[in-house]
Amino acid sequence: MCVLNDLDRFHLVSALIGRVPKLGPKAACAKQAIPEALLEHKAYIARYGDDMPEIMGWKRGPQTEGSARVRSTEADNV
């Protein structure tokens, strides 16, 4: 239950957006969606006592064949 400890990806992304000034305008929509997602997640935890399945089962991994082409973010660091 990372959400209850503020260690989830919602809190991490929100902190990142706040610390990287260039992200401000680009990430405004995400910044607005984060509190809503957190409320939904906390309600799920209160009801079921565990993280939502899409959070618990999320894995970072290589792109599968047929998925979106990987784009380099190298130029974003300028």
Protein backbone atom coordinates (compact mmCIF):
# COMPACT_ATOMS: atom_id res chain seq x y z
CA MET A 1 0.00 0.00 0.00
CA CYS A 2 2.48 2.53 -1.25
CA VAL A 3 -0.27 5.12 -1.70
CA LEU A 4 -0.88 5.32 2.03
CA ASN A 5 2.84 5.91 2.57
CA ASP A 6 3.17 8.48 -0.27
CA LEU A 7 5.64 6.21 -2.08
CA ASP A 8 3.54 5.42 -5.13
CA ARG A 9 4.07 6.60 -8.67
CA PHE A 10 1.34 9.24 -8.31
CA HIS A 11 3.25 11.02 -5.55
CA LEU A 12 6.57 10.52 -7.32
CA VAL A 13 5.30 12.02 -10.59
CA SER A 14 3.69 14.90 -8.74
CA ALA A 15 6.97 15.63 -6.96
CA LEU A 16 8.87 15.43 -10.23
CA ILE A 17 6.51 17.85 -11.97
CA GLY A 18 6.96 20.28 -9.11
CA ARG A 19 10.75 20.09 -9.30
CA VAL A 20 11.24 20.36 -13.07
CA PRO A 21 10.09 23.83 -14.19
CA LYS A 22 10.07 22.94 -17.92
CA LEU A 23 7.43 20.26 -17.27
CA GLY A 24 4.91 22.75 -15.88
CA PRO A 25 2.87 23.52 -19.01
CA LYS A 26 3.38 20.06 -20.56
CA ALA A 27 2.35 18.21 -17.41
CA ALA A 28 -0.57 20.39 -16.28
CA CYS A 29 -3.16 17.77 -17.26
CA ALA A 30 -1.31 15.01 -15.41
CA LYS A 31 -0.87 17.24 -12.37
CA GLN A 32 -4.65 17.79 -12.26
CA ALA A 33 -5.45 14.08 -12.67
CA ILE A 34 -3.17 12.91 -9.86
CA PRO A 35 -5.34 13.98 -6.87
CA GLU A 36 -8.39 12.32 -8.45
CA ALA A 37 -6.47 9.09 -9.03
CA LEU A 38 -5.20 9.15 -5.45
CA LEU A 39 -8.72 9.57 -4.05
CA GLU A 40 -9.97 6.67 -6.16
CA HIS A 41 -7.05 4.52 -5.07
CA LYS A 42 -7.45 5.35 -1.38
CA ALA A 43 -11.16 4.50 -1.59
CA TYR A 44 -10.28 1.15 -3.16
CA ILE A 45 -7.78 0.44 -0.37
CA ALA A 46 -10.37 1.32 2.28
CA ARG A 47 -12.85 -1.07 0.68
CA TYR A 48 -10.60 -4.01 -0.22
CA GLY A 49 -7.54 -3.55 1.99
CA ASP A 50 -5.05 -3.70 -0.86
CA ASP A 51 -3.78 -1.73 -3.85
CA MET A 52 -5.84 -1.61 -7.04
CA PRO A 53 -5.02 -4.48 -9.44
CA GLU A 54 -3.65 -2.13 -12.10
CA ILE A 55 -1.21 -0.74 -9.55
CA MET A 56 -0.30 -4.05 -7.92
CA GLY A 57 0.15 -5.85 -11.23
CA TRP A 58 2.03 -3.09 -13.05
CA LYS A 59 5.42 -4.09 -14.38
CA ARG A 60 7.96 -2.10 -16.25
CA GLY A 61 9.35 -4.02 -19.11
CA PRO A 62 10.40 -4.03 -22.73
CA GLN A 63 7.95 -2.98 -25.38
CA THR A 64 6.23 -5.88 -27.06
CA GLU A 65 6.08 -6.33 -30.78
CA GLY A 66 3.34 -4.23 -32.32
CA SER A 67 3.25 -1.70 -29.51
CA ALA A 68 4.12 1.96 -29.89
CA ARG A 69 7.58 2.72 -31.20
CA VAL A 70 10.06 3.72 -28.51
CA ARG A 71 11.01 7.37 -28.84
CA SER A 72 14.27 8.74 -27.54
CA THR A 73 13.87 11.46 -24.92
CA GLU A 74 17.47 12.59 -25.31
CA ALA A 75 16.50 15.92 -26.89
CA ASP A 76 14.10 16.69 -24.03
CA ASN A 77 17.07 17.30 -21.74
CA VAL A 78 18.25 20.40 -23.59
